[in-house]
Amino acid sequence: MKTNAPEQKRPESASEIESSAASWAAKADRGDLSFDEQAALEKWLGADTRRLGAYARALAVNAHFDRAAALGPGFSPDDFEEARPSPPPALKRRHFLFAGGAALAASIAAAVGFGALSAGTAVVTAKGDTRRIALAEGSAITLNTDSRIEPRFEERLRQVDLVKGEALFDVSRDRDRPFVVHAGDVRIRVLGTSFSVRRFDDGAVEVAVLEGHVEVGAAGELHPHSLRRGQRVRVSPRGDFRIERVSHAALERSVGWRRGIIDLQGMTLAQAAAEYARYSDRRIIIADPAVGAMKVTGVYSTSDPLGFARAAALSLGIQAIPTADGVRLDRR
């Protein structure tokens, strides 16, 4: 009996990827994506490793076009600054994106990305904000709340100092230009991968690998630890390494802040309150240690600490009492 083999899906061409990336970049540039749109974008990016670089280039073209339109015909890429002016009409920007083609996108993005980052200008986020920076060579850096990086891009080496806070690095592969992140005394070296780095107030550093593998060690260490996808390491202030394996779902939740959500699974109320303090000045006050030790679960909005406090109070049988600058959680 003859059976028909399932038809193989034709691989997406480079031009099709560039076109889809330009469409996503134009949509993102018109305003904040909805939760569903952001999820769809991340699903699209994760389905093919080529898409991230194409999307980064399209975003870089957007940044260049907006800046050039505002500064006029005498604009030079060397004058590029981080601040972005009010954009020109979306129709013109979309036409430029679709008509430009991959070669034009790559050349303009290279001038913008390298010129902006080689000077070592610091990039910061305020409390409650996140920021994504697309680099010309296909990489991207996403900063979480209250964070600061100091990039130092050179001809043979891509370096970034994470001065404070947390960042997600989606690094394009380049054997001739390693990508190195410094977080205090901790050094993370990669060729191409996706990983997050967080600096804690007590001096500890945490590195989580979402894709590929990274080398983590103290600055100047000859034998760094090699971490692969699904592994996370916490380096204590004394330099002790604690490596653990984490499920892919848990890793994705840990960087949910990209979409404005925070994973509090398994935390105590006191730990959850400390996490929310990173994102908002609306304080969650817990004076009773027994209340602070209660466990919480679930995923919540980073911008709604009061909503989380009310939900936690309801589920744990405690009370949420409004205060002048936030809420106090206490026993009934």
C-alpha atoms as a PDB file:
ATOM      1  CA  MET A   1       0.000   0.000   0.000  1.00  0.00           C
ATOM      2  CA  LYS A   2       1.467   3.315  -1.060  1.00  0.00           C
ATOM      3  CA  THR A   3       1.630   6.108   1.484  1.00  0.00           C
ATOM      4  CA  ASN A   4       2.494   9.688   0.890  1.00  0.00           C
ATOM      5  CA  ALA A   5       5.405  10.994   2.990  1.00  0.00           C
ATOM      6  CA  PRO A   6       4.701  14.283   4.717  1.00  0.00           C
ATOM      7  CA  GLU A   7       5.766  17.213   2.607  1.00  0.00           C
ATOM      8  CA  GLN A   8       8.936  18.871   3.875  1.00  0.00           C
ATOM      9  CA  LYS A   9       8.502  22.535   4.623  1.00  0.00           C
ATOM     10  CA  ARG A  10      10.750  24.749   2.507  1.00  0.00           C
ATOM     11  CA  PRO A  11      13.376  26.577   4.612  1.00  0.00           C
ATOM     12  CA  GLU A  12      12.733  30.290   4.908  1.00  0.00           C
ATOM     13  CA  SER A  13      14.980  32.324   2.627  1.00  0.00           C
ATOM     14  CA  ALA A  14      17.216  35.124   3.884  1.00  0.00           C
ATOM     15  CA  SER A  15      15.151  37.735   2.039  1.00  0.00           C
ATOM     16  CA  GLU A  16      11.933  36.405   3.610  1.00  0.00           C
ATOM     17  CA  ILE A  17      13.521  36.615   7.070  1.00  0.00           C
ATOM     18  CA  GLU A  18      14.699  40.186   6.413  1.00  0.00           C
ATOM     19  CA  SER A  19      11.209  41.158   5.227  1.00  0.00           C
ATOM     20  CA  SER A  20       9.507  39.656   8.293  1.00  0.00           C
ATOM     21  CA  ALA A  21      12.102  41.261  10.579  1.00  0.00           C
ATOM     22  CA  ALA A  22      11.467  44.655   8.994  1.00  0.00           C
ATOM     23  CA  SER A  23       7.725  44.202   9.523  1.00  0.00           C
ATOM     24  CA  TRP A  24       8.208  43.345  13.206  1.00  0.00           C
ATOM     25  CA  ALA A  25      10.620  46.264  13.698  1.00  0.00           C
ATOM     26  CA  ALA A  26       8.181  48.702  12.099  1.00  0.00           C
ATOM     27  CA  LYS A  27       5.385  47.428  14.343  1.00  0.00           C
ATOM     28  CA  ALA A  28       7.563  47.721  17.472  1.00  0.00           C
ATOM     29  CA  ASP A  29       8.679  51.211  16.485  1.00  0.00           C
ATOM     30  CA  ARG A  30       5.083  52.464  16.244  1.00  0.00           C
ATOM     31  CA  GLY A  31       4.527  51.789  19.944  1.00  0.00           C
ATOM     32  CA  ASP A  32       4.672  49.192  22.696  1.00  0.00           C
ATOM     33  CA  LEU A  33       3.705  45.698  21.581  1.00  0.00           C
ATOM     34  CA  SER A  34       0.802  44.042  23.351  1.00  0.00           C
ATOM     35  CA  PHE A  35       1.477  41.000  25.550  1.00  0.00           C
ATOM     36  CA  ASP A  36       0.261  38.661  22.778  1.00  0.00           C
ATOM     37  CA  GLU A  37       2.301  40.458  20.121  1.00  0.00           C
ATOM     38  CA  GLN A  38       5.433  40.315  22.274  1.00  0.00           C
ATOM     39  CA  ALA A  39       4.906  36.583  22.824  1.00  0.00           C
ATOM     40  CA  ALA A  40       4.409  36.053  19.074  1.00  0.00           C
ATOM     41  CA  LEU A  41       7.582  38.021  18.328  1.00  0.00           C
ATOM     42  CA  GLU A  42       9.649  35.983  20.781  1.00  0.00           C
ATOM     43  CA  LYS A  43       8.229  32.743  19.337  1.00  0.00           C
ATOM     44  CA  TRP A  44       9.176  33.902  15.847  1.00  0.00           C
ATOM     45  CA  LEU A  45      12.689  34.889  16.956  1.00  0.00           C
ATOM     46  CA  GLY A  46      13.247  31.564  18.718  1.00  0.00           C
ATOM     47  CA  ALA A  47      12.250  29.406  15.726  1.00  0.00           C
ATOM     48  CA  ASP A  48      15.340  30.249  13.622  1.00  0.00           C
ATOM     49  CA  THR A  49      18.736  31.484  14.811  1.00  0.00           C
ATOM     50  CA  ARG A  50      19.022  33.770  11.763  1.00  0.00           C
ATOM     51  CA  ARG A  51      16.006  35.821  12.769  1.00  0.00           C
ATOM     52  CA  LEU A  52      17.529  37.533  15.797  1.00  0.00           C
ATOM     53  CA  GLY A  53      20.311  39.108  13.748  1.00  0.00           C
ATOM     54  CA  ALA A  54      17.839  40.216  11.069  1.00  0.00           C
ATOM     55  CA  TYR A  55      15.564  41.768  13.672  1.00  0.00           C
ATOM     56  CA  ALA A  56      18.495  43.551  15.341  1.00  0.00           C
ATOM     57  CA  ARG A  57      19.570  44.992  11.997  1.00  0.00           C
ATOM     58  CA  ALA A  58      16.036  46.180  11.256  1.00  0.00           C
ATOM     59  CA  LEU A  59      15.817  47.908  14.634  1.00  0.00           C
ATOM     60  CA  ALA A  60      19.193  49.546  14.008  1.00  0.00           C
ATOM     61  CA  VAL A  61      17.972  50.819  10.632  1.00  0.00           C
ATOM     62  CA  ASN A  62      14.945  52.316  12.406  1.00  0.00           C
ATOM     63  CA  ALA A  63      17.179  54.114  14.883  1.00  0.00           C
ATOM     64  CA  HIS A  64      19.401  55.470  12.112  1.00  0.00           C
ATOM     65  CA  PHE A  65      16.499  56.599   9.933  1.00  0.00           C
ATOM     66  CA  ASP A  66      14.762  58.396  12.786  1.00  0.00           C
ATOM     67  CA  ARG A  67      17.955  60.176  13.765  1.00  0.00           C
ATOM     68  CA  ALA A  68      18.941  61.086  10.213  1.00  0.00           C
ATOM     69  CA  ALA A  69      15.487  62.453   9.428  1.00  0.00           C
ATOM     70  CA  ALA A  70      15.601  64.700  12.489  1.00  0.00           C
ATOM     71  CA  LEU A  71      19.155  65.974  11.930  1.00  0.00           C
ATOM     72  CA  GLY A  72      18.764  66.667   8.223  1.00  0.00           C
ATOM     73  CA  PRO A  73      20.857  65.893   5.135  1.00  0.00           C
ATOM     74  CA  GLY A  74      24.142  66.826   6.791  1.00  0.00           C
ATOM     75  CA  PHE A  75      23.842  63.983   9.308  1.00  0.00           C
ATOM     76  CA  SER A  76      26.849  61.695   9.719  1.00  0.00           C
ATOM     77  CA  PRO A  77      26.716  58.290  11.495  1.00  0.00           C
ATOM     78  CA  ASP A  78      29.579  59.526  13.668  1.00  0.00           C
ATOM     79  CA  ASP A  79      27.129  62.002  15.221  1.00  0.00           C
ATOM     80  CA  PHE A  80      24.791  59.240  16.384  1.00  0.00           C
ATOM     81  CA  GLU A  81      23.628  59.530  20.001  1.00  0.00           C
ATOM     82  CA  GLU A  82      21.555  57.238  22.189  1.00  0.00           C
ATOM     83  CA  ALA A  83      18.672  59.692  22.553  1.00  0.00           C
ATOM     84  CA  ARG A  84      16.047  59.278  19.827  1.00  0.00           C
ATOM     85  CA  PRO A  85      13.993  62.225  18.515  1.00  0.00           C
ATOM     86  CA  SER A  86      10.339  62.172  17.565  1.00  0.00           C
ATOM     87  CA  PRO A  87      10.025  59.800  14.591  1.00  0.00           C
ATOM     88  CA  PRO A  88       8.905  60.779  11.110  1.00  0.00           C
ATOM     89  CA  PRO A  89       5.608  59.375   9.774  1.00  0.00           C
ATOM     90  CA  ALA A  90       5.442  55.584  10.056  1.00  0.00           C
ATOM     91  CA  LEU A  91       4.634  55.149   6.360  1.00  0.00           C
ATOM     92  CA  LYS A  92       7.939  56.697   5.273  1.00  0.00           C
ATOM     93  CA  ARG A  93       9.896  54.614   7.791  1.00  0.00           C
ATOM     94  CA  ARG A  94       8.245  51.382   6.657  1.00  0.00           C
ATOM     95  CA  HIS A  95       8.900  52.220   3.030  1.00  0.00           C
ATOM     96  CA  PHE A  96      12.574  52.794   3.836  1.00  0.00           C
ATOM     97  CA  LEU A  97      12.792  49.477   5.677  1.00  0.00           C
ATOM     98  CA  PHE A  98      11.257  47.403   2.941  1.00  0.00           C
ATOM     99  CA  ALA A  99      13.002  49.163   0.065  1.00  0.00           C
ATOM    100  CA  GLY A 100      16.451  49.258   1.635  1.00  0.00           C
ATOM    101  CA  GLY A 101      17.306  45.560   1.439  1.00  0.00           C
ATOM    102  CA  ALA A 102      19.656  43.529   3.607  1.00  0.00           C
ATOM    103  CA  ALA A 103      22.895  45.056   2.292  1.00  0.00           C
ATOM    104  CA  LEU A 104      21.801  48.610   3.033  1.00  0.00           C
ATOM    105  CA  ALA A 105      20.495  47.581   6.436  1.00  0.00           C
ATOM    106  CA  ALA A 106      23.795  45.955   7.347  1.00  0.00           C
ATOM    107  CA  SER A 107      25.953  48.874   6.218  1.00  0.00           C
ATOM    108  CA  ILE A 108      23.931  51.559   7.984  1.00  0.00           C
ATOM    109  CA  ALA A 109      23.555  49.473  11.132  1.00  0.00           C
ATOM    110  CA  ALA A 110      27.298  48.879  11.270  1.00  0.00           C
ATOM    111  CA  ALA A 111      27.996  52.599  11.262  1.00  0.00           C
ATOM    112  CA  VAL A 112      25.396  53.250  13.927  1.00  0.00           C
ATOM    113  CA  GLY A 113      26.138  50.336  16.238  1.00  0.00           C
ATOM    114  CA  PHE A 114      29.917  50.515  16.270  1.00  0.00           C
ATOM    115  CA  GLY A 115      29.983  54.308  16.366  1.00  0.00           C
ATOM    116  CA  ALA A 116      27.582  54.437  19.284  1.00  0.00           C
ATOM    117  CA  LEU A 117      29.234  51.746  21.400  1.00  0.00           C
ATOM    118  CA  SER A 118      32.937  52.056  20.647  1.00  0.00           C
ATOM    119  CA  ALA A 119      33.018  55.400  22.462  1.00  0.00           C
ATOM    120  CA  GLY A 120      32.174  53.666  25.728  1.00  0.00           C
ATOM    121  CA  THR A 121      29.028  55.667  26.431  1.00  0.00           C
ATOM    122  CA  ALA A 122      27.098  54.287  29.392  1.00  0.00           C
ATOM    123  CA  VAL A 123      23.579  52.966  28.836  1.00  0.00           C
ATOM    124  CA  VAL A 124      21.228  53.083  31.825  1.00  0.00           C
ATOM    125  CA  THR A 125      17.658  52.291  32.765  1.00  0.00           C
ATOM    126  CA  ALA A 126      15.603  53.957  35.478  1.00  0.00           C
ATOM    127  CA  LYS A 127      13.666  52.017  38.087  1.00  0.00           C
ATOM    128  CA  GLY A 128      10.750  50.260  36.421  1.00  0.00           C
ATOM    129  CA  ASP A 129      12.140  50.638  32.889  1.00  0.00           C
ATOM    130  CA  THR A 130      13.697  48.154  30.468  1.00  0.00           C
ATOM    131  CA  ARG A 131      15.668  48.924  27.325  1.00  0.00           C
ATOM    132  CA  ARG A 132      16.761  46.887  24.325  1.00  0.00           C
ATOM    133  CA  ILE A 133      19.788  47.869  22.259  1.00  0.00           C
ATOM    134  CA  ALA A 134      20.295  46.269  18.855  1.00  0.00           C
ATOM    135  CA  LEU A 135      23.924  46.042  17.751  1.00  0.00           C
ATOM    136  CA  ALA A 136      25.020  46.268  14.144  1.00  0.00           C
ATOM    137  CA  GLU A 137      26.774  42.882  14.096  1.00  0.00           C
ATOM    138  CA  GLY A 138      23.557  41.073  15.009  1.00  0.00           C
ATOM    139  CA  SER A 139      23.776  40.984  18.797  1.00  0.00           C
ATOM    140  CA  ALA A 140      21.349  42.647  21.186  1.00  0.00           C
ATOM    141  CA  ILE A 141      21.451  43.696  24.846  1.00  0.00           C
ATOM    142  CA  THR A 142      18.299  44.082  26.939  1.00  0.00           C
ATOM    143  CA  LEU A 143      18.647  45.944  30.234  1.00  0.00           C
ATOM    144  CA  ASN A 144      16.327  45.274  33.151  1.00  0.00           C
ATOM    145  CA  THR A 145      15.201  47.847  35.703  1.00  0.00           C
ATOM    146  CA  ASP A 146      17.731  50.187  37.376  1.00  0.00           C
ATOM    147  CA  SER A 147      20.706  48.859  35.404  1.00  0.00           C
ATOM    148  CA  ARG A 148      23.849  50.305  33.845  1.00  0.00           C
ATOM    149  CA  ILE A 149      26.241  48.967  31.236  1.00  0.00           C
ATOM    150  CA  GLU A 150      29.412  50.496  29.803  1.00  0.00           C
ATOM    151  CA  PRO A 151      30.182  48.983  26.374  1.00  0.00           C
ATOM    152  CA  ARG A 152      33.702  49.033  24.940  1.00  0.00           C
ATOM    153  CA  PHE A 153      33.554  47.722  21.400  1.00  0.00           C
ATOM    154  CA  GLU A 154      36.891  47.447  19.641  1.00  0.00           C
ATOM    155  CA  GLU A 155      38.080  46.017  16.356  1.00  0.00           C
ATOM    156  CA  ARG A 156      39.101  42.637  17.840  1.00  0.00           C
ATOM    157  CA  LEU A 157      36.990  42.408  20.994  1.00  0.00           C
ATOM    158  CA  ARG A 158      33.441  43.138  22.106  1.00  0.00           C
ATOM    159  CA  GLN A 159      33.377  44.034  25.812  1.00  0.00           C
ATOM    160  CA  VAL A 160      30.611  45.195  28.134  1.00  0.00           C
ATOM    161  CA  ASP A 161      30.875  46.148  31.811  1.00  0.00           C
ATOM    162  CA  LEU A 162      27.679  45.411  33.739  1.00  0.00           C
ATOM    163  CA  VAL A 163      28.094  48.080  36.399  1.00  0.00           C
ATOM    164  CA  LYS A 164      24.795  47.386  38.169  1.00  0.00           C
ATOM    165  CA  GLY A 165      21.521  45.571  37.701  1.00  0.00           C
ATOM    166  CA  GLU A 166      20.687  42.884  35.170  1.00  0.00           C
ATOM    167  CA  ALA A 167      20.947  42.376  31.425  1.00  0.00           C
ATOM    168  CA  LEU A 168      20.125  39.751  28.821  1.00  0.00           C
ATOM    169  CA  PHE A 169      22.732  39.264  26.097  1.00  0.00           C
ATOM    170  CA  ASP A 170      21.792  37.739  22.723  1.00  0.00           C
ATOM    171  CA  VAL A 171      25.201  37.445  21.096  1.00  0.00           C
ATOM    172  CA  SER A 172      25.840  36.789  17.413  1.00  0.00           C
ATOM    173  CA  ARG A 173      28.587  34.292  16.691  1.00  0.00           C
ATOM    174  CA  ASP A 174      31.929  35.736  15.595  1.00  0.00           C
ATOM    175  CA  ARG A 175      35.059  33.618  16.076  1.00  0.00           C
ATOM    176  CA  ASP A 176      37.296  36.595  15.426  1.00  0.00           C
ATOM    177  CA  ARG A 177      35.609  38.889  17.980  1.00  0.00           C
ATOM    178  CA  PRO A 178      34.778  37.235  21.319  1.00  0.00           C
ATOM    179  CA  PHE A 179      32.092  38.853  23.456  1.00  0.00           C
ATOM    180  CA  VAL A 180      33.164  39.433  27.078  1.00  0.00           C
ATOM    181  CA  VAL A 181      30.983  40.674  29.936  1.00  0.00           C
ATOM    182  CA  HIS A 182      32.566  41.925  33.166  1.00  0.00           C
ATOM    183  CA  ALA A 183      30.373  41.949  36.291  1.00  0.00           C
ATOM    184  CA  GLY A 184      32.595  43.038  39.155  1.00  0.00           C
ATOM    185  CA  ASP A 185      35.278  40.357  39.527  1.00  0.00           C
ATOM    186  CA  VAL A 186      33.345  37.881  37.375  1.00  0.00           C
ATOM    187  CA  ARG A 187      34.190  37.498  33.676  1.00  0.00           C
ATOM    188  CA  ILE A 188      31.858  35.858  31.142  1.00  0.00           C
ATOM    189  CA  ARG A 189      33.252  35.023  27.695  1.00  0.00           C
ATOM    190  CA  VAL A 190      31.276  33.786  24.674  1.00  0.00           C
ATOM    191  CA  LEU A 191      31.403  33.569  20.910  1.00  0.00           C
ATOM    192  CA  GLY A 192      27.661  33.380  20.277  1.00  0.00           C
ATOM    193  CA  THR A 193      24.839  32.528  22.677  1.00  0.00           C
ATOM    194  CA  SER A 194      22.000  33.887  24.814  1.00  0.00           C
ATOM    195  CA  PHE A 195      22.509  34.424  28.545  1.00  0.00           C
ATOM    196  CA  SER A 196      21.528  36.725  31.387  1.00  0.00           C
ATOM    197  CA  VAL A 197      23.758  38.306  34.039  1.00  0.00           C
ATOM    198  CA  ARG A 198      22.586  39.855  37.291  1.00  0.00           C
ATOM    199  CA  ARG A 199      24.573  41.699  39.955  1.00  0.00           C
ATOM    200  CA  PHE A 200      23.137  41.573  43.487  1.00  0.00           C
ATOM    201  CA  ASP A 201      23.525  44.247  46.134  1.00  0.00           C
ATOM    202  CA  ASP A 202      25.630  41.929  48.307  1.00  0.00           C
ATOM    203  CA  GLY A 203      28.209  41.497  45.521  1.00  0.00           C
ATOM    204  CA  ALA A 204      26.987  38.114  44.243  1.00  0.00           C
ATOM    205  CA  VAL A 205      26.651  37.543  40.489  1.00  0.00           C
ATOM    206  CA  GLU A 206      24.281  35.164  38.726  1.00  0.00           C
ATOM    207  CA  VAL A 207      24.672  33.917  35.149  1.00  0.00           C
ATOM    208  CA  ALA A 208      21.981  31.859  33.393  1.00  0.00           C
ATOM    209  CA  VAL A 209      22.463  30.278  29.949  1.00  0.00           C
ATOM    210  CA  LEU A 210      19.405  30.162  27.688  1.00  0.00           C
ATOM    211  CA  GLU A 211      21.205  29.038  24.522  1.00  0.00           C
ATOM    212  CA  GLY A 212      24.714  27.853  23.594  1.00  0.00           C
ATOM    213  CA  HIS A 213      27.432  27.884  26.233  1.00  0.00           C
ATOM    214  CA  VAL A 214      29.545  30.418  28.123  1.00  0.00           C
ATOM    215  CA  GLU A 215      32.748  30.460  30.153  1.00  0.00           C
ATOM    216  CA  VAL A 216      32.448  31.986  33.622  1.00  0.00           C
ATOM    217  CA  GLY A 217      35.372  32.699  35.908  1.00  0.00           C
ATOM    218  CA  ALA A 218      37.157  35.314  37.928  1.00  0.00           C
ATOM    219  CA  ALA A 219      39.010  37.981  35.981  1.00  0.00           C
ATOM    220  CA  GLY A 220      42.321  36.489  34.848  1.00  0.00           C
ATOM    221  CA  GLU A 221      41.364  32.927  35.835  1.00  0.00           C
ATOM    222  CA  LEU A 222      43.053  30.317  33.642  1.00  0.00           C
ATOM    223  CA  HIS A 223      40.422  27.583  34.038  1.00  0.00           C
ATOM    224  CA  PRO A 224      36.912  29.123  33.958  1.00  0.00           C
ATOM    225  CA  HIS A 225      33.741  27.082  34.429  1.00  0.00           C
ATOM    226  CA  SER A 226      31.950  26.059  31.215  1.00  0.00           C
ATOM    227  CA  LEU A 227      28.153  26.415  31.351  1.00  0.00           C
ATOM    228  CA  ARG A 228      25.721  25.134  28.752  1.00  0.00           C
ATOM    229  CA  ARG A 229      22.077  25.713  27.988  1.00  0.00           C
ATOM    230  CA  GLY A 230      19.894  25.093  31.013  1.00  0.00           C
ATOM    231  CA  GLN A 231      22.603  25.822  33.592  1.00  0.00           C
ATOM    232  CA  ARG A 232      22.830  28.677  36.034  1.00  0.00           C
ATOM    233  CA  VAL A 233      25.697  29.688  38.300  1.00  0.00           C
ATOM    234  CA  ARG A 234      25.701  31.956  41.317  1.00  0.00           C
ATOM    235  CA  VAL A 235      29.090  33.371  42.284  1.00  0.00           C
ATOM    236  CA  SER A 236      29.258  34.478  45.922  1.00  0.00           C
ATOM    237  CA  PRO A 237      31.086  37.643  47.011  1.00  0.00           C
ATOM    238  CA  ARG A 238      33.906  35.332  48.198  1.00  0.00           C
ATOM    239  CA  GLY A 239      34.212  33.804  44.732  1.00  0.00           C
ATOM    240  CA  ASP A 240      32.478  30.464  45.431  1.00  0.00           C
ATOM    241  CA  PHE A 241      30.661  28.927  42.430  1.00  0.00           C
ATOM    242  CA  ARG A 242      27.314  27.147  42.792  1.00  0.00           C
ATOM    243  CA  ILE A 243      26.130  25.621  39.518  1.00  0.00           C
ATOM    244  CA  GLU A 244      22.640  24.186  39.066  1.00  0.00           C
ATOM    245  CA  ARG A 245      20.531  22.846  36.220  1.00  0.00           C
ATOM    246  CA  VAL A 246      17.329  24.738  35.483  1.00  0.00           C
ATOM    247  CA  SER A 247      14.433  23.784  33.215  1.00  0.00           C
ATOM    248  CA  HIS A 248      13.993  25.748  30.018  1.00  0.00           C
ATOM    249  CA  ALA A 249      10.569  26.933  31.192  1.00  0.00           C
ATOM    250  CA  ALA A 250      12.056  28.268  34.433  1.00  0.00           C
ATOM    251  CA  LEU A 251      14.813  30.061  32.529  1.00  0.00           C
ATOM    252  CA  GLU A 252      12.274  31.694  30.247  1.00  0.00           C
ATOM    253  CA  ARG A 253      10.262  32.834  33.265  1.00  0.00           C
ATOM    254  CA  SER A 254      13.420  34.262  34.838  1.00  0.00           C
ATOM    255  CA  VAL A 255      13.754  36.704  31.944  1.00  0.00           C
ATOM    256  CA  GLY A 256      10.033  37.431  31.815  1.00  0.00           C
ATOM    257  CA  TRP A 257      10.884  41.011  32.804  1.00  0.00           C
ATOM    258  CA  ARG A 258      11.404  41.585  29.072  1.00  0.00           C
ATOM    259  CA  ARG A 259       7.601  41.391  28.809  1.00  0.00           C
ATOM    260  CA  GLY A 260       6.926  43.198  32.080  1.00  0.00           C
ATOM    261  CA  ILE A 261       6.302  40.111  34.225  1.00  0.00           C
ATOM    262  CA  ILE A 262       8.073  38.771  37.296  1.00  0.00           C
ATOM    263  CA  ASP A 263       8.270  35.123  38.365  1.00  0.00           C
ATOM    264  CA  LEU A 264       7.886  34.747  42.144  1.00  0.00           C
ATOM    265  CA  GLN A 265       7.540  30.962  42.155  1.00  0.00           C
ATOM    266  CA  GLY A 266       8.778  29.520  45.463  1.00  0.00           C
ATOM    267  CA  MET A 267       9.823  32.852  46.985  1.00  0.00           C
ATOM    268  CA  THR A 268       8.880  34.030  50.448  1.00  0.00           C
ATOM    269  CA  LEU A 269       6.817  37.179  50.822  1.00  0.00           C
ATOM    270  CA  ALA A 270       9.917  38.979  52.089  1.00  0.00           C
ATOM    271  CA  GLN A 271      11.897  37.937  48.999  1.00  0.00           C
ATOM    272  CA  ALA A 272       9.021  38.931  46.717  1.00  0.00           C
ATOM    273  CA  ALA A 273       8.832  42.355  48.385  1.00  0.00           C
ATOM    274  CA  ALA A 274      12.578  42.807  47.809  1.00  0.00           C
ATOM    275  CA  GLU A 275      12.174  41.875  44.138  1.00  0.00           C
ATOM    276  CA  TYR A 276       9.378  44.403  43.704  1.00  0.00           C
ATOM    277  CA  ALA A 277      11.554  47.079  45.309  1.00  0.00           C
ATOM    278  CA  ARG A 278      13.790  46.794  42.220  1.00  0.00           C
ATOM    279  CA  TYR A 279      10.915  47.854  39.964  1.00  0.00           C
ATOM    280  CA  SER A 280       8.860  50.339  41.960  1.00  0.00           C
ATOM    281  CA  ASP A 281       9.037  52.904  44.744  1.00  0.00           C
ATOM    282  CA  ARG A 282       5.648  51.668  45.961  1.00  0.00           C
ATOM    283  CA  ARG A 283       6.836  49.725  48.996  1.00  0.00           C
ATOM    284  CA  ILE A 284       5.574  46.388  50.318  1.00  0.00           C
ATOM    285  CA  ILE A 285       6.234  46.524  54.062  1.00  0.00           C
ATOM    286  CA  ILE A 286       6.362  43.330  56.141  1.00  0.00           C
ATOM    287  CA  ALA A 287       7.177  43.770  59.826  1.00  0.00           C
ATOM    288  CA  ASP A 288       6.156  40.307  61.045  1.00  0.00           C
ATOM    289  CA  PRO A 289       8.851  37.660  60.284  1.00  0.00           C
ATOM    290  CA  ALA A 290       6.188  34.929  60.215  1.00  0.00           C
ATOM    291  CA  VAL A 291       4.344  36.772  57.461  1.00  0.00           C
ATOM    292  CA  GLY A 292       7.580  37.426  55.594  1.00  0.00           C
ATOM    293  CA  ALA A 293       8.372  33.697  55.624  1.00  0.00           C
ATOM    294  CA  MET A 294       5.110  32.730  53.903  1.00  0.00           C
ATOM    295  CA  LYS A 295       5.636  31.230  50.433  1.00  0.00           C
ATOM    296  CA  VAL A 296       4.128  32.725  47.309  1.00  0.00           C
ATOM    297  CA  THR A 297       3.672  31.383  43.802  1.00  0.00           C
ATOM    298  CA  GLY A 298       2.781  32.675  40.376  1.00  0.00           C
ATOM    299  CA  VAL A 299       3.766  35.266  37.789  1.00  0.00           C
ATOM    300  CA  TYR A 300       2.830  38.918  38.228  1.00  0.00           C
ATOM    301  CA  SER A 301       3.217  42.291  36.542  1.00  0.00           C
ATOM    302  CA  THR A 302       6.434  44.132  37.432  1.00  0.00           C
ATOM    303  CA  SER A 303       4.519  47.422  37.447  1.00  0.00           C
ATOM    304  CA  ASP A 304       1.811  46.421  39.943  1.00  0.00           C
ATOM    305  CA  PRO A 305       3.287  45.694  43.402  1.00  0.00           C
ATOM    306  CA  LEU A 306       0.024  46.696  45.099  1.00  0.00           C
ATOM    307  CA  GLY A 307      -1.951  44.270  42.949  1.00  0.00           C
ATOM    308  CA  PHE A 308       0.475  41.497  43.897  1.00  0.00           C
ATOM    309  CA  ALA A 309       0.187  42.399  47.595  1.00  0.00           C
ATOM    310  CA  ARG A 310      -3.608  42.269  47.482  1.00  0.00           C
ATOM    311  CA  ALA A 311      -3.577  38.936  45.646  1.00  0.00           C
ATOM    312  CA  ALA A 312      -1.051  37.483  48.099  1.00  0.00           C
ATOM    313  CA  ALA A 313      -3.084  38.666  51.076  1.00  0.00           C
ATOM    314  CA  LEU A 314      -6.217  37.074  49.667  1.00  0.00           C
ATOM    315  CA  SER A 315      -4.558  33.716  48.997  1.00  0.00           C
ATOM    316  CA  LEU A 316      -2.578  33.549  52.282  1.00  0.00           C
ATOM    317  CA  GLY A 317      -5.331  34.740  54.620  1.00  0.00           C
ATOM    318  CA  ILE A 318      -3.534  37.912  55.704  1.00  0.00           C
ATOM    319  CA  GLN A 319      -4.441  41.565  55.248  1.00  0.00           C
ATOM    320  CA  ALA A 320      -3.085  44.226  52.895  1.00  0.00           C
ATOM    321  CA  ILE A 321      -3.233  47.646  54.559  1.00  0.00           C
ATOM    322  CA  PRO A 322      -2.695  50.706  52.319  1.00  0.00           C
ATOM    323  CA  THR A 323       0.042  53.141  53.407  1.00  0.00           C
ATOM    324  CA  ALA A 324       1.145  56.535  52.142  1.00  0.00           C
ATOM    325  CA  ASP A 325       3.770  55.019  49.817  1.00  0.00           C
ATOM    326  CA  GLY A 326       2.592  51.459  49.305  1.00  0.00           C
ATOM    327  CA  VAL A 327       1.048  48.654  51.334  1.00  0.00           C
ATOM    328  CA  ARG A 328       1.709  46.750  54.560  1.00  0.00           C
ATOM    329  CA  LEU A 329       1.133  43.005  54.817  1.00  0.00           C
ATOM    330  CA  ASP A 330       0.146  41.748  58.257  1.00  0.00           C
ATOM    331  CA  ARG A 331      -1.806  39.055  60.042  1.00  0.00           C
ATOM    332  CA  ARG A 332      -5.534  39.486  60.408  1.00  0.00           C
END
